[in-house]
Amino acid sequence: MASLIKNFTLSIITLVVLFSGCTQPKNLSYAQQIKERTKYYSSLSEEEQIKAVSQYWWKIQFIKAPSYKVQKAALETSPRAIEEIENPTKEIQILAVNKIMKDGSFNIALTKLIESFDEEAQIVAVRHNPQIIQFITYPSERVQLEAVKINPFVIKNIINASPKAKEEAVKRNPRVAKFLR
């Protein structure tokens, strides 16, 4: 009976230690906690980082300069991970656009980030949904042309549309001419 009580007591103590946060100082500021998490997750091996972001995609924010494989694993878990990846490469941007559009989740993340994306990623996005061009303040002529080729009426959402984009839109649908500025 004594050994049963001893084992029970040890189990309770272990649970208290695990769930009370005794492993970290309690008086760290939020900024210090973020710094500690970043230090911890950045020190993990690539395989451990992949495992971490595969379980919880948002942990990517705590990894300094994550590898392509780690970024891809986070995006496979959730396309929202693109919001937490600092300076994503063109390939990662395109992967995120395809994942978001494939899932049918035309979400806020893409509308917020599309302007900062590489031209190639923007083209992929407008090929999926030309309406996204309205979230790009100054789309390149290539992006404009891709959008109007799919839906000429998006020309009305392009401020300072290029002459070529206007011409292409009217060529595809003459009724678009009334929307030109």
Protein backbone atom coordinates (compact mmCIF):
# COMPACT_ATOMS: atom_id res chain seq x y z
CA MET A 1 0.00 0.00 0.00
CA ALA A 2 2.85 2.39 0.85
CA SER A 3 4.45 1.86 -2.57
CA LEU A 4 1.10 2.56 -4.25
CA ILE A 5 0.77 5.86 -2.36
CA LYS A 6 4.40 6.71 -3.17
CA ASN A 7 3.83 6.04 -6.92
CA PHE A 8 0.60 8.05 -6.84
CA THR A 9 2.36 10.96 -5.13
CA LEU A 10 5.20 10.90 -7.67
CA SER A 11 2.67 10.89 -10.51
CA ILE A 12 0.88 13.90 -9.04
CA ILE A 13 4.17 15.78 -8.57
CA THR A 14 5.17 14.98 -12.16
CA LEU A 15 1.83 16.29 -13.48
CA VAL A 16 2.10 19.44 -11.39
CA VAL A 17 5.61 20.11 -12.71
CA LEU A 18 4.56 19.44 -16.31
CA PHE A 19 1.45 21.57 -16.27
CA SER A 20 2.48 24.37 -13.95
CA GLY A 21 5.18 25.68 -16.23
CA CYS A 22 7.91 25.06 -13.66
CA THR A 23 10.33 24.27 -16.45
CA GLN A 24 10.43 27.97 -17.46
CA PRO A 25 10.74 31.04 -15.28
CA LYS A 26 7.27 32.47 -14.71
CA ASN A 27 8.26 36.11 -14.90
CA LEU A 28 9.43 36.29 -18.52
CA SER A 29 7.87 39.05 -20.60
CA TYR A 30 6.01 38.13 -23.76
CA ALA A 31 8.93 39.33 -25.90
CA GLN A 32 11.32 37.19 -23.84
CA GLN A 33 9.05 34.15 -24.23
CA ILE A 34 9.04 34.63 -28.01
CA LYS A 35 12.81 34.99 -27.99
CA GLU A 36 13.18 31.77 -25.99
CA ARG A 37 10.82 29.85 -28.29
CA THR A 38 12.67 31.16 -31.34
CA LYS A 39 15.97 30.09 -29.83
CA TYR A 40 14.58 26.64 -29.04
CA TYR A 41 12.87 25.89 -32.37
CA SER A 42 15.72 27.35 -34.41
CA SER A 43 18.17 25.04 -32.65
CA LEU A 44 16.25 21.90 -33.62
CA SER A 45 17.37 19.70 -36.49
CA GLU A 46 15.54 20.06 -39.79
CA GLU A 47 13.68 16.79 -39.17
CA GLU A 48 12.53 17.98 -35.73
CA GLN A 49 11.45 21.32 -37.20
CA ILE A 50 9.44 19.50 -39.88
CA LYS A 51 7.78 17.39 -37.20
CA ALA A 52 6.97 20.50 -35.15
CA VAL A 53 5.41 22.45 -38.05
CA SER A 54 3.60 19.36 -39.28
CA GLN A 55 1.84 19.16 -35.93
CA TYR A 56 1.31 22.90 -35.47
CA TRP A 57 1.92 25.03 -38.58
CA TRP A 58 2.15 28.26 -36.56
CA LYS A 59 5.43 27.12 -35.00
CA ILE A 60 7.13 28.20 -38.24
CA GLN A 61 7.12 31.73 -36.82
CA PHE A 62 9.66 30.63 -34.20
CA ILE A 63 12.17 29.23 -36.70
CA LYS A 64 14.78 31.64 -38.01
CA ALA A 65 15.46 31.10 -41.72
CA PRO A 66 13.53 27.83 -42.07
CA SER A 67 14.64 25.58 -44.91
CA TYR A 68 12.51 24.99 -47.99
CA LYS A 69 11.48 21.58 -46.60
CA VAL A 70 10.36 23.09 -43.29
CA GLN A 71 8.41 25.85 -45.04
CA LYS A 72 6.78 23.31 -47.37
CA ALA A 73 5.80 21.09 -44.42
CA ALA A 74 4.17 24.05 -42.69
CA LEU A 75 2.24 24.96 -45.87
CA GLU A 76 1.12 21.36 -46.29
CA THR A 77 -0.34 21.54 -42.79
CA SER A 78 -2.08 24.84 -43.45
CA PRO A 79 -1.78 27.44 -46.21
CA ARG A 80 -2.11 30.08 -43.49
CA ALA A 81 1.52 29.31 -42.64
CA ILE A 82 2.52 31.70 -45.43
CA GLU A 83 1.56 34.51 -43.07
CA GLU A 84 4.27 33.45 -40.65
CA ILE A 85 7.11 32.77 -43.11
CA GLU A 86 9.49 35.69 -43.23
CA ASN A 87 10.70 36.48 -46.77
CA PRO A 88 9.28 33.39 -48.50
CA THR A 89 10.96 32.40 -51.75
CA LYS A 90 9.16 32.59 -55.09
CA GLU A 91 8.69 28.81 -55.03
CA ILE A 92 7.12 28.92 -51.56
CA GLN A 93 4.86 31.82 -52.61
CA ILE A 94 3.65 29.85 -55.64
CA LEU A 95 3.15 26.74 -53.51
CA ALA A 96 1.09 28.79 -51.04
CA VAL A 97 -1.02 30.35 -53.82
CA ASN A 98 -1.73 26.94 -55.36
CA LYS A 99 -2.56 25.43 -51.98
CA ILE A 100 -4.87 28.30 -51.01
CA MET A 101 -6.66 28.31 -54.35
CA LYS A 102 -6.88 24.50 -54.53
CA ASP A 103 -8.45 24.35 -51.08
CA GLY A 104 -10.95 26.96 -52.18
CA SER A 105 -9.92 29.15 -49.30
CA PHE A 106 -9.57 32.52 -50.98
CA ASN A 107 -8.54 33.88 -47.66
CA ILE A 108 -7.46 37.10 -46.06
CA ALA A 109 -3.84 35.92 -45.92
CA LEU A 110 -3.58 35.84 -49.69
CA THR A 111 -5.31 39.18 -50.15
CA LYS A 112 -2.94 40.77 -47.62
CA LEU A 113 0.22 39.20 -48.98
CA ILE A 114 -0.34 39.04 -52.74
CA GLU A 115 1.02 42.54 -53.25
CA SER A 116 4.36 41.61 -51.71
CA PHE A 117 4.63 38.39 -53.73
CA ASP A 118 6.89 37.88 -56.71
CA GLU A 119 5.40 38.59 -60.13
CA GLU A 120 5.31 34.86 -60.98
CA ALA A 121 3.28 34.11 -57.84
CA GLN A 122 0.91 36.96 -58.69
CA ILE A 123 0.43 35.51 -62.18
CA VAL A 124 -0.37 32.09 -60.71
CA ALA A 125 -2.89 33.75 -58.38
CA VAL A 126 -4.70 35.68 -61.15
CA ARG A 127 -4.81 32.52 -63.27
CA HIS A 128 -6.72 30.86 -60.44
CA ASN A 129 -8.90 33.89 -59.74
CA PRO A 130 -8.47 37.08 -61.80
CA GLN A 131 -10.42 39.08 -59.18
CA ILE A 132 -7.40 38.96 -56.87
CA ILE A 133 -5.80 41.65 -59.03
CA GLN A 134 -7.82 44.21 -57.07
CA PHE A 135 -5.56 43.52 -54.09
CA ILE A 136 -2.41 44.39 -56.05
CA THR A 137 -1.97 48.17 -56.06
CA TYR A 138 0.38 48.36 -59.02
CA PRO A 139 0.28 45.05 -60.91
CA SER A 140 2.84 44.61 -63.63
CA GLU A 141 1.71 44.60 -67.23
CA ARG A 142 2.23 40.82 -67.37
CA VAL A 143 -0.06 40.31 -64.37
CA GLN A 144 -2.66 42.66 -65.89
CA LEU A 145 -2.60 40.80 -69.21
CA GLU A 146 -3.01 37.41 -67.54
CA ALA A 147 -5.99 38.66 -65.54
CA VAL A 148 -7.83 40.26 -68.48
CA LYS A 149 -7.22 37.23 -70.70
CA ILE A 150 -9.23 35.17 -68.23
CA ASN A 151 -11.81 37.80 -67.32
CA PRO A 152 -11.77 41.04 -69.33
CA PHE A 153 -14.09 42.73 -66.83
CA VAL A 154 -11.35 42.83 -64.16
CA ILE A 155 -9.94 45.77 -66.09
CA LYS A 156 -12.31 47.94 -64.05
CA ASN A 157 -10.42 46.86 -60.89
CA ILE A 158 -7.02 47.88 -62.23
CA ILE A 159 -5.99 51.43 -61.43
CA ASN A 160 -3.64 52.77 -64.11
CA ALA A 161 -4.16 49.78 -66.39
CA SER A 162 -1.60 49.59 -69.16
CA PRO A 163 -2.65 50.35 -72.74
CA LYS A 164 -1.90 46.73 -73.70
CA ALA A 165 -4.14 45.41 -70.92
CA LYS A 166 -6.95 47.77 -71.98
CA GLU A 167 -6.56 46.71 -75.59
CA GLU A 168 -6.56 43.02 -74.65
CA ALA A 169 -9.68 43.43 -72.49
CA VAL A 170 -11.61 45.22 -75.27
CA LYS A 171 -10.42 42.66 -77.82
CA ARG A 172 -11.81 39.85 -75.64
CA ASN A 173 -15.07 41.64 -74.86
CA PRO A 174 -15.98 44.99 -76.48
CA ARG A 175 -18.50 45.77 -73.70
CA VAL A 176 -15.53 46.33 -71.40
CA ALA A 177 -14.78 49.63 -73.16
CA LYS A 178 -17.30 51.46 -70.96
CA PHE A 179 -15.23 50.64 -67.86
CA LEU A 180 -11.96 52.03 -69.18
CA ARG A 181 -10.52 55.13 -67.53
